[in-house]
C-alpha atoms as a PDB file:
ATOM      1  CA  MET A   1      15.275 -32.076 -35.798  1.00  0.00           C
ATOM      2  CA  SER A   2      15.449 -31.545 -32.039  1.00  0.00           C
ATOM      3  CA  THR A   3      18.411 -30.756 -29.823  1.00  0.00           C
ATOM      4  CA  VAL A   4      18.810 -32.871 -26.691  1.00  0.00           C
ATOM      5  CA  CYS A   5      20.666 -31.096 -23.883  1.00  0.00           C
ATOM      6  CA  MET A   6      22.153 -33.206 -21.106  1.00  0.00           C
ATOM      7  CA  ILE A   7      21.312 -31.516 -17.791  1.00  0.00           C
ATOM      8  CA  ARG A   8      23.179 -32.645 -14.679  1.00  0.00           C
ATOM      9  CA  LYS A   9      20.806 -33.961 -12.015  1.00  0.00           C
ATOM     10  CA  PRO A  10      21.155 -32.513  -8.511  1.00  0.00           C
ATOM     11  CA  ASN A  11      22.859 -34.656  -5.860  1.00  0.00           C
ATOM     12  CA  LYS A  12      24.478 -36.912  -8.473  1.00  0.00           C
ATOM     13  CA  LYS A  13      28.159 -37.185  -7.539  1.00  0.00           C
ATOM     14  CA  ASP A  14      29.498 -39.275 -10.436  1.00  0.00           C
ATOM     15  CA  PRO A  15      29.751 -37.099 -13.589  1.00  0.00           C
ATOM     16  CA  SER A  16      30.886 -40.107 -15.654  1.00  0.00           C
ATOM     17  CA  SER A  17      27.604 -41.987 -15.146  1.00  0.00           C
ATOM     18  CA  PRO A  18      24.865 -41.472 -17.781  1.00  0.00           C
ATOM     19  CA  ARG A  19      22.306 -41.705 -14.950  1.00  0.00           C
ATOM     20  CA  SER A  20      23.696 -38.443 -13.549  1.00  0.00           C
ATOM     21  CA  TYR A  21      22.113 -36.517 -16.431  1.00  0.00           C
ATOM     22  CA  ARG A  22      18.590 -35.723 -17.595  1.00  0.00           C
ATOM     23  CA  PRO A  23      18.087 -35.432 -21.383  1.00  0.00           C
ATOM     24  CA  ILE A  24      15.899 -32.409 -22.129  1.00  0.00           C
ATOM     25  CA  THR A  25      14.645 -32.006 -25.693  1.00  0.00           C
ATOM     26  CA  LEU A  26      14.651 -28.489 -27.164  1.00  0.00           C
ATOM     27  CA  GLU A  27      12.345 -28.146 -30.160  1.00  0.00           C
ATOM     28  CA  GLU A  28      11.500 -25.596 -32.820  1.00  0.00           C
ATOM     29  CA  CYS A  29       9.016 -22.969 -31.594  1.00  0.00           C
ATOM     30  CA  LEU A  30       6.308 -23.732 -34.178  1.00  0.00           C
ATOM     31  CA  GLY A  31       6.547 -27.462 -33.540  1.00  0.00           C
ATOM     32  CA  LYS A  32       6.382 -26.947 -29.799  1.00  0.00           C
ATOM     33  CA  LEU A  33       3.339 -24.684 -30.209  1.00  0.00           C
ATOM     34  CA  LEU A  34       1.517 -27.386 -32.190  1.00  0.00           C
ATOM     35  CA  GLU A  35       2.428 -29.999 -29.559  1.00  0.00           C
ATOM     36  CA  LYS A  36       1.085 -27.715 -26.832  1.00  0.00           C
ATOM     37  CA  ILE A  37      -2.232 -27.360 -28.690  1.00  0.00           C
ATOM     38  CA  ILE A  38      -2.553 -31.141 -29.102  1.00  0.00           C
ATOM     39  CA  ALA A  39      -1.537 -31.698 -25.466  1.00  0.00           C
ATOM     40  CA  THR A  40      -4.234 -29.280 -24.254  1.00  0.00           C
ATOM     41  CA  ARG A  41      -6.877 -31.062 -26.324  1.00  0.00           C
ATOM     42  CA  LEU A  42      -5.730 -34.444 -25.011  1.00  0.00           C
ATOM     43  CA  GLN A  43      -5.920 -33.172 -21.432  1.00  0.00           C
ATOM     44  CA  ASP A  44      -9.413 -31.833 -22.080  1.00  0.00           C
ATOM     45  CA  SER A  45     -10.527 -35.173 -23.559  1.00  0.00           C
ATOM     46  CA  ALA A  46      -8.969 -37.041 -20.644  1.00  0.00           C
ATOM     47  CA  LEU A  47     -10.944 -34.869 -18.222  1.00  0.00           C
ATOM     48  CA  ARG A  48     -14.284 -35.064 -20.065  1.00  0.00           C
ATOM     49  CA  HIS A  49     -14.134 -38.800 -20.778  1.00  0.00           C
ATOM     50  CA  ASN A  50     -12.337 -39.965 -17.603  1.00  0.00           C
ATOM     51  CA  LEU A  51      -9.393 -41.367 -19.546  1.00  0.00           C
ATOM     52  CA  LEU A  52      -7.027 -40.687 -16.645  1.00  0.00           C
ATOM     53  CA  PRO A  53      -7.778 -42.028 -13.152  1.00  0.00           C
ATOM     54  CA  LEU A  54      -8.330 -39.338 -10.534  1.00  0.00           C
ATOM     55  CA  ASN A  55      -5.296 -40.572  -8.595  1.00  0.00           C
ATOM     56  CA  GLN A  56      -3.011 -39.346 -11.406  1.00  0.00           C
ATOM     57  CA  PHE A  57      -2.415 -35.736 -10.387  1.00  0.00           C
ATOM     58  CA  GLY A  58       0.092 -34.774 -13.091  1.00  0.00           C
ATOM     59  CA  GLY A  59      -0.602 -33.719 -16.659  1.00  0.00           C
ATOM     60  CA  ARG A  60      -4.199 -32.835 -15.862  1.00  0.00           C
ATOM     61  CA  ILE A  61      -6.037 -29.544 -16.176  1.00  0.00           C
ATOM     62  CA  LYS A  62      -6.483 -27.844 -12.776  1.00  0.00           C
ATOM     63  CA  SER A  63      -4.436 -30.475 -10.959  1.00  0.00           C
ATOM     64  CA  GLY A  64      -0.895 -30.487  -9.626  1.00  0.00           C
ATOM     65  CA  VAL A  65       1.540 -31.718  -7.023  1.00  0.00           C
ATOM     66  CA  ILE A  66      -0.129 -29.616  -4.296  1.00  0.00           C
ATOM     67  CA  ASP A  67      -3.372 -31.529  -4.838  1.00  0.00           C
ATOM     68  CA  ALA A  68      -1.513 -34.827  -4.443  1.00  0.00           C
ATOM     69  CA  CYS A  69       0.093 -33.606  -1.203  1.00  0.00           C
ATOM     70  CA  ILE A  70      -3.243 -32.391   0.190  1.00  0.00           C
ATOM     71  CA  ASP A  71      -4.890 -35.717  -0.628  1.00  0.00           C
ATOM     72  CA  LEU A  72      -2.099 -37.671   1.076  1.00  0.00           C
ATOM     73  CA  CYS A  73      -2.071 -35.371   4.120  1.00  0.00           C
ATOM     74  CA  ASP A  74      -5.826 -35.751   4.490  1.00  0.00           C
ATOM     75  CA  GLU A  75      -5.459 -39.544   4.563  1.00  0.00           C
ATOM     76  CA  ILE A  76      -2.673 -39.298   7.156  1.00  0.00           C
ATOM     77  CA  GLN A  77      -4.599 -36.850   9.362  1.00  0.00           C
ATOM     78  CA  THR A  78      -7.716 -39.016   9.299  1.00  0.00           C
ATOM     79  CA  ALA A  79      -5.815 -42.211  10.140  1.00  0.00           C
ATOM     80  CA  THR A  80      -3.623 -40.745  12.885  1.00  0.00           C
ATOM     81  CA  SER A  81      -6.680 -39.193  14.547  1.00  0.00           C
ATOM     82  CA  GLN A  82      -7.888 -42.799  14.944  1.00  0.00           C
ATOM     83  CA  LYS A  83      -4.521 -43.828  16.473  1.00  0.00           C
ATOM     84  CA  LEU A  84      -3.530 -45.829  13.405  1.00  0.00           C
ATOM     85  CA  TYR A  85      -0.058 -46.253  11.955  1.00  0.00           C
ATOM     86  CA  VAL A  86       0.320 -44.824   8.450  1.00  0.00           C
ATOM     87  CA  SER A  87       3.074 -46.059   6.133  1.00  0.00           C
ATOM     88  CA  VAL A  88       3.905 -44.350   2.834  1.00  0.00           C
ATOM     89  CA  LEU A  89       6.114 -46.009   0.220  1.00  0.00           C
ATOM     90  CA  CYS A  90       7.393 -43.695  -2.523  1.00  0.00           C
ATOM     91  CA  CYS A  91       8.662 -45.152  -5.789  1.00  0.00           C
ATOM     92  CA  ASP A  92       9.780 -43.828  -9.143  1.00  0.00           C
ATOM     93  CA  VAL A  93       9.266 -45.266 -12.637  1.00  0.00           C
ATOM     94  CA  LYS A  94      12.659 -45.720 -14.260  1.00  0.00           C
ATOM     95  CA  GLY A  95      13.086 -43.856 -17.552  1.00  0.00           C
ATOM     96  CA  PHE A  96       9.350 -43.183 -17.764  1.00  0.00           C
ATOM     97  CA  PHE A  97       9.351 -41.084 -20.946  1.00  0.00           C
ATOM     98  CA  ASP A  98      12.133 -43.049 -22.654  1.00  0.00           C
ATOM     99  CA  ASN A  99      10.388 -46.410 -22.239  1.00  0.00           C
ATOM    100  CA  VAL A 100       6.971 -45.620 -23.698  1.00  0.00           C
ATOM    101  CA  THR A 101       6.708 -48.184 -26.502  1.00  0.00           C
ATOM    102  CA  LEU A 102       5.165 -46.946 -29.743  1.00  0.00           C
ATOM    103  CA  HIS A 103       2.883 -49.818 -30.830  1.00  0.00           C
ATOM    104  CA  PRO A 104       1.378 -50.439 -27.352  1.00  0.00           C
ATOM    105  CA  LEU A 105       0.833 -46.668 -27.108  1.00  0.00           C
ATOM    106  CA  GLN A 106      -1.087 -46.720 -30.402  1.00  0.00           C
ATOM    107  CA  THR A 107      -3.235 -49.599 -29.165  1.00  0.00           C
ATOM    108  CA  CYS A 108      -3.851 -47.888 -25.834  1.00  0.00           C
ATOM    109  CA  LEU A 109      -4.955 -44.600 -27.419  1.00  0.00           C
ATOM    110  CA  SER A 110      -7.200 -46.374 -29.946  1.00  0.00           C
ATOM    111  CA  ASN A 111      -8.847 -48.417 -27.183  1.00  0.00           C
ATOM    112  CA  MET A 112      -9.524 -45.188 -25.296  1.00  0.00           C
ATOM    113  CA  GLY A 113     -11.571 -43.968 -28.247  1.00  0.00           C
ATOM    114  CA  LEU A 114      -9.270 -41.252 -29.588  1.00  0.00           C
ATOM    115  CA  ALA A 115      -9.931 -40.228 -33.183  1.00  0.00           C
ATOM    116  CA  PRO A 116      -7.912 -42.248 -35.739  1.00  0.00           C
ATOM    117  CA  HIS A 117      -6.380 -39.112 -37.284  1.00  0.00           C
ATOM    118  CA  LEU A 118      -5.174 -37.998 -33.828  1.00  0.00           C
ATOM    119  CA  VAL A 119      -3.637 -41.412 -33.113  1.00  0.00           C
ATOM    120  CA  GLN A 120      -1.971 -41.245 -36.535  1.00  0.00           C
ATOM    121  CA  TRP A 121      -0.545 -37.790 -35.748  1.00  0.00           C
ATOM    122  CA  ILE A 122       0.817 -39.006 -32.399  1.00  0.00           C
ATOM    123  CA  THR A 123       2.358 -42.048 -34.119  1.00  0.00           C
ATOM    124  CA  SER A 124       4.065 -39.765 -36.623  1.00  0.00           C
ATOM    125  CA  PHE A 125       5.227 -37.502 -33.777  1.00  0.00           C
ATOM    126  CA  ALA A 126       6.888 -40.407 -31.951  1.00  0.00           C
ATOM    127  CA  SER A 127       8.360 -42.141 -35.029  1.00  0.00           C
ATOM    128  CA  ASN A 128      11.619 -41.680 -36.927  1.00  0.00           C
ATOM    129  CA  ARG A 129      12.836 -38.763 -34.856  1.00  0.00           C
ATOM    130  CA  LYS A 130      16.255 -37.214 -35.472  1.00  0.00           C
ATOM    131  CA  VAL A 131      18.126 -35.491 -32.675  1.00  0.00           C
ATOM    132  CA  ARG A 132      21.334 -33.606 -32.002  1.00  0.00           C
ATOM    133  CA  ILE A 133      23.063 -34.229 -28.665  1.00  0.00           C
ATOM    134  CA  ALA A 134      24.446 -31.121 -26.947  1.00  0.00           C
ATOM    135  CA  PHE A 135      26.803 -31.759 -24.052  1.00  0.00           C
ATOM    136  CA  ASN A 136      29.599 -29.788 -22.451  1.00  0.00           C
ATOM    137  CA  GLY A 137      29.893 -27.362 -25.365  1.00  0.00           C
ATOM    138  CA  TYR A 138      29.872 -30.058 -28.045  1.00  0.00           C
ATOM    139  CA  THR A 139      26.942 -30.724 -30.412  1.00  0.00           C
ATOM    140  CA  HIS A 140      26.694 -33.981 -32.356  1.00  0.00           C
ATOM    141  CA  SER A 141      25.618 -33.526 -35.977  1.00  0.00           C
ATOM    142  CA  SER A 142      22.653 -35.935 -36.165  1.00  0.00           C
ATOM    143  CA  LEU A 143      21.398 -39.178 -34.654  1.00  0.00           C
ATOM    144  CA  ASP A 144      18.468 -41.409 -35.572  1.00  0.00           C
ATOM    145  CA  LYS A 145      16.376 -42.027 -32.472  1.00  0.00           C
ATOM    146  CA  PRO A 146      14.778 -45.493 -32.131  1.00  0.00           C
ATOM    147  CA  ASN A 147      10.984 -45.662 -32.298  1.00  0.00           C
ATOM    148  CA  ARG A 148      10.692 -45.872 -28.547  1.00  0.00           C
ATOM    149  CA  GLY A 149       9.946 -43.238 -25.960  1.00  0.00           C
ATOM    150  CA  VAL A 150       8.595 -39.709 -26.099  1.00  0.00           C
ATOM    151  CA  PRO A 151      10.898 -36.664 -25.810  1.00  0.00           C
ATOM    152  CA  GLN A 152      11.325 -35.324 -22.295  1.00  0.00           C
ATOM    153  CA  GLY A 153      10.714 -31.585 -22.516  1.00  0.00           C
ATOM    154  CA  SER A 154       7.926 -31.770 -25.088  1.00  0.00           C
ATOM    155  CA  PRO A 155       4.532 -30.391 -23.907  1.00  0.00           C
ATOM    156  CA  ILE A 156       2.713 -33.497 -25.146  1.00  0.00           C
ATOM    157  CA  SER A 157       5.003 -36.128 -23.600  1.00  0.00           C
ATOM    158  CA  PRO A 158       3.594 -36.115 -20.020  1.00  0.00           C
ATOM    159  CA  ILE A 159      -0.020 -36.732 -21.049  1.00  0.00           C
ATOM    160  CA  LEU A 160       1.020 -39.429 -23.565  1.00  0.00           C
ATOM    161  CA  ALA A 161       3.132 -41.265 -20.987  1.00  0.00           C
ATOM    162  CA  GLU A 162       0.357 -40.997 -18.391  1.00  0.00           C
ATOM    163  CA  LEU A 163      -2.277 -42.389 -20.768  1.00  0.00           C
ATOM    164  CA  PHE A 164       0.131 -45.211 -21.644  1.00  0.00           C
ATOM    165  CA  ALA A 165       0.504 -46.188 -17.962  1.00  0.00           C
ATOM    166  CA  ALA A 166      -3.028 -45.287 -16.805  1.00  0.00           C
ATOM    167  CA  SER A 167      -4.011 -48.928 -16.270  1.00  0.00           C
ATOM    168  CA  ALA A 168      -1.482 -49.218 -13.423  1.00  0.00           C
ATOM    169  CA  LEU A 169      -3.394 -46.625 -11.411  1.00  0.00           C
ATOM    170  CA  GLN A 170      -6.531 -48.765 -11.503  1.00  0.00           C
ATOM    171  CA  LEU A 171      -4.919 -51.730  -9.737  1.00  0.00           C
ATOM    172  CA  PHE A 172      -6.263 -50.762  -6.308  1.00  0.00           C
ATOM    173  CA  PRO A 173     -10.004 -49.930  -6.155  1.00  0.00           C
ATOM    174  CA  PRO A 174     -11.395 -47.628  -3.414  1.00  0.00           C
ATOM    175  CA  SER A 175     -12.289 -50.656  -1.278  1.00  0.00           C
ATOM    176  CA  HIS A 176      -8.644 -51.817  -1.233  1.00  0.00           C
ATOM    177  CA  PRO A 177      -6.685 -51.039   1.979  1.00  0.00           C
ATOM    178  CA  VAL A 178      -3.773 -49.645  -0.068  1.00  0.00           C
ATOM    179  CA  ARG A 179      -4.036 -46.357  -1.942  1.00  0.00           C
ATOM    180  CA  LEU A 180      -1.943 -45.507  -4.986  1.00  0.00           C
ATOM    181  CA  ARG A 181      -1.260 -41.936  -6.113  1.00  0.00           C
ATOM    182  CA  ALA A 182       0.898 -40.639  -8.943  1.00  0.00           C
ATOM    183  CA  TYR A 183       2.327 -37.362 -10.105  1.00  0.00           C
ATOM    184  CA  VAL A 184       3.533 -38.213 -13.622  1.00  0.00           C
ATOM    185  CA  ASP A 185       6.226 -40.862 -12.878  1.00  0.00           C
ATOM    186  CA  ASP A 186       6.397 -40.457  -9.089  1.00  0.00           C
ATOM    187  CA  HIS A 187       4.128 -42.930  -7.278  1.00  0.00           C
ATOM    188  CA  THR A 188       3.162 -43.356  -3.632  1.00  0.00           C
ATOM    189  CA  LEU A 189       1.607 -46.406  -1.999  1.00  0.00           C
ATOM    190  CA  SER A 190       0.007 -45.725   1.379  1.00  0.00           C
ATOM    191  CA  THR A 191      -1.927 -47.706   3.957  1.00  0.00           C
ATOM    192  CA  ALA A 192      -3.067 -47.399   7.584  1.00  0.00           C
ATOM    193  CA  SER A 193      -3.636 -50.065  10.227  1.00  0.00           C
ATOM    194  CA  THR A 194      -3.116 -50.826  13.903  1.00  0.00           C
ATOM    195  CA  SER A 195       0.433 -52.156  13.363  1.00  0.00           C
ATOM    196  CA  LEU A 196       3.489 -51.587  11.204  1.00  0.00           C
ATOM    197  CA  GLU A 197       3.646 -55.330  10.573  1.00  0.00           C
ATOM    198  CA  GLU A 198       0.258 -55.206   8.865  1.00  0.00           C
ATOM    199  CA  ASN A 199       1.353 -52.157   6.873  1.00  0.00           C
ATOM    200  CA  GLU A 200       4.463 -54.003   5.710  1.00  0.00           C
ATOM    201  CA  ALA A 201       2.445 -57.012   4.548  1.00  0.00           C
ATOM    202  CA  ARG A 202       0.024 -54.808   2.613  1.00  0.00           C
ATOM    203  CA  LEU A 203       2.631 -52.586   0.976  1.00  0.00           C
ATOM    204  CA  THR A 204       4.904 -55.499   0.106  1.00  0.00           C
ATOM    205  CA  GLN A 205       2.072 -57.154  -1.826  1.00  0.00           C
ATOM    206  CA  ALA A 206       1.007 -53.851  -3.398  1.00  0.00           C
ATOM    207  CA  TYR A 207       4.563 -53.037  -4.500  1.00  0.00           C
ATOM    208  CA  HIS A 208       4.862 -56.471  -6.134  1.00  0.00           C
ATOM    209  CA  THR A 209       1.505 -56.003  -7.896  1.00  0.00           C
ATOM    210  CA  LEU A 210       2.505 -52.575  -9.207  1.00  0.00           C
ATOM    211  CA  GLU A 211       5.961 -53.748 -10.277  1.00  0.00           C
ATOM    212  CA  THR A 212       4.514 -56.760 -12.127  1.00  0.00           C
ATOM    213  CA  HIS A 213       1.938 -54.672 -13.988  1.00  0.00           C
ATOM    214  CA  LEU A 214       4.483 -52.039 -15.012  1.00  0.00           C
ATOM    215  CA  ALA A 215       6.756 -54.798 -16.303  1.00  0.00           C
ATOM    216  CA  SER A 216       3.931 -55.935 -18.606  1.00  0.00           C
ATOM    217  CA  LEU A 217       4.013 -52.409 -20.093  1.00  0.00           C
ATOM    218  CA  GLY A 218       7.775 -52.458 -20.530  1.00  0.00           C
ATOM    219  CA  LEU A 219       8.305 -50.185 -17.521  1.00  0.00           C
ATOM    220  CA  ALA A 220      10.157 -50.747 -14.255  1.00  0.00           C
ATOM    221  CA  LEU A 221      10.421 -49.186 -10.811  1.00  0.00           C
ATOM    222  CA  GLU A 222      13.769 -47.675  -9.866  1.00  0.00           C
ATOM    223  CA  ALA A 223      14.731 -49.490  -6.675  1.00  0.00           C
ATOM    224  CA  ASP A 224      17.378 -46.936  -5.652  1.00  0.00           C
ATOM    225  CA  LYS A 225      14.755 -44.191  -5.390  1.00  0.00           C
ATOM    226  CA  THR A 226      12.288 -46.107  -3.216  1.00  0.00           C
ATOM    227  CA  GLU A 227      11.652 -44.356   0.112  1.00  0.00           C
ATOM    228  CA  LEU A 228       9.572 -45.161   3.185  1.00  0.00           C
ATOM    229  CA  MET A 229       8.009 -43.008   5.890  1.00  0.00           C
ATOM    230  CA  HIS A 230       5.824 -43.882   8.886  1.00  0.00           C
ATOM    231  CA  PHE A 231       3.381 -41.580  10.681  1.00  0.00           C
ATOM    232  CA  TYR A 232       1.865 -41.972  14.118  1.00  0.00           C
ATOM    233  CA  ALA A 233       0.293 -39.443  16.501  1.00  0.00           C
ATOM    234  CA  LYS A 234       0.590 -40.041  20.239  1.00  0.00           C
ATOM    235  CA  HIS A 235      -2.445 -37.875  20.782  1.00  0.00           C
ATOM    236  CA  PRO A 236      -5.505 -37.836  18.503  1.00  0.00           C
ATOM    237  CA  PHE A 237      -5.988 -34.609  16.535  1.00  0.00           C
ATOM    238  CA  GLN A 238      -2.345 -33.680  17.039  1.00  0.00           C
ATOM    239  CA  ARG A 239      -1.419 -30.892  14.608  1.00  0.00           C
ATOM    240  CA  PRO A 240       0.677 -30.699  12.564  1.00  0.00           C
ATOM    241  CA  ILE A 241       1.448 -34.243  11.434  1.00  0.00           C
ATOM    242  CA  ASN A 242       4.736 -35.320  13.005  1.00  0.00           C
ATOM    243  CA  PHE A 243       7.229 -38.008  12.147  1.00  0.00           C
ATOM    244  CA  ASN A 244       7.529 -39.972  15.386  1.00  0.00           C
ATOM    245  CA  PRO A 245      11.061 -41.440  15.605  1.00  0.00           C
ATOM    246  CA  GLU A 246      10.516 -43.195  18.943  1.00  0.00           C
ATOM    247  CA  ARG A 247       7.952 -45.576  17.469  1.00  0.00           C
ATOM    248  CA  THR A 248       8.795 -45.808  13.823  1.00  0.00           C
ATOM    249  CA  SER A 249      12.388 -44.906  12.945  1.00  0.00           C
ATOM    250  CA  ASN A 250      13.772 -48.455  13.162  1.00  0.00           C
ATOM    251  CA  TYR A 251      11.024 -50.371  11.356  1.00  0.00           C
ATOM    252  CA  ALA A 252      12.320 -51.090   7.848  1.00  0.00           C
ATOM    253  CA  PHE A 253      10.408 -52.935   5.135  1.00  0.00           C
ATOM    254  CA  THR A 254      11.812 -55.840   3.125  1.00  0.00           C
ATOM    255  CA  LEU A 255      10.541 -55.856  -0.462  1.00  0.00           C
ATOM    256  CA  PRO A 256      11.051 -58.812  -2.846  1.00  0.00           C
ATOM    257  CA  LEU A 257      11.887 -57.682  -6.398  1.00  0.00           C
ATOM    258  CA  LEU A 258      10.999 -59.286  -9.725  1.00  0.00           C
ATOM    259  CA  ASP A 259      14.591 -60.352 -10.362  1.00  0.00           C
ATOM    260  CA  GLY A 260      14.516 -62.514  -7.228  1.00  0.00           C
ATOM    261  CA  SER A 261      16.566 -60.168  -5.064  1.00  0.00           C
ATOM    262  CA  VAL A 262      15.377 -58.487  -1.876  1.00  0.00           C
ATOM    263  CA  MET A 263      15.482 -54.770  -1.097  1.00  0.00           C
ATOM    264  CA  LYS A 264      15.477 -53.375   2.426  1.00  0.00           C
ATOM    265  CA  VAL A 265      13.915 -49.920   2.737  1.00  0.00           C
ATOM    266  CA  SER A 266      14.528 -48.000   5.953  1.00  0.00           C
ATOM    267  CA  PRO A 267      12.201 -45.165   7.003  1.00  0.00           C
ATOM    268  CA  VAL A 268      13.368 -41.588   6.487  1.00  0.00           C
ATOM    269  CA  PRO A 269      12.323 -38.386   8.304  1.00  0.00           C
ATOM    270  CA  VAL A 270      11.932 -36.379   5.080  1.00  0.00           C
ATOM    271  CA  LEU A 271      10.667 -37.492   1.677  1.00  0.00           C
ATOM    272  CA  ARG A 272      12.397 -36.166  -1.427  1.00  0.00           C
END
């Protein structure tokens, strides 16, 4: 049985909202050690057999958020040196770990060629879990967790969630004008062209494509966390990259959502 601690998220002002907290699962040491061993072997298999696209920078051996930032900065530097406008749309998968569905995960891992006994172990790991909720000094005795999601805080959860959603990162091939990068559940869509209008058209279509595919997996993008930034260099080879408010600060994007509503995203000077 695991203990789930409710950790208050930074910059969340409403303590009565469940979305103001992050559930972190604390597990027994021996169980966590076994999960770490399995996670390391999964990461090694993902690397050797190309199970994870290269644009997923999280949960991989010898890869991290710095690599994602360097890759994005290189794209921006190259484009701005050619006097192109670069637009970057950042989006977050809502409840990424909690919404990994068990049976589709089994199918996904089997199709990737993982050994049947390993898939069976992962199925057992994610099924019929019991948890205690610890919050504000109070610990609930026991709760049966539904067979959905993987525990946030477990060493094996990131690689399982990433394998589950790996198909989304293959939506845009290298020849596509839009690039998609991910660090676990944080995604960025970026493109460069001679106008912000062209960037908006590209990213609007790409956002819709990504949102539709994630919905087919039972996942969704969190609209409230979507952010936009534009880059433009007045002079080629200008260093460092600068946010140029004179040209780009007022150009917001309008994104249609799957529920039929429309979301307006204004550019920001700093990404979270």
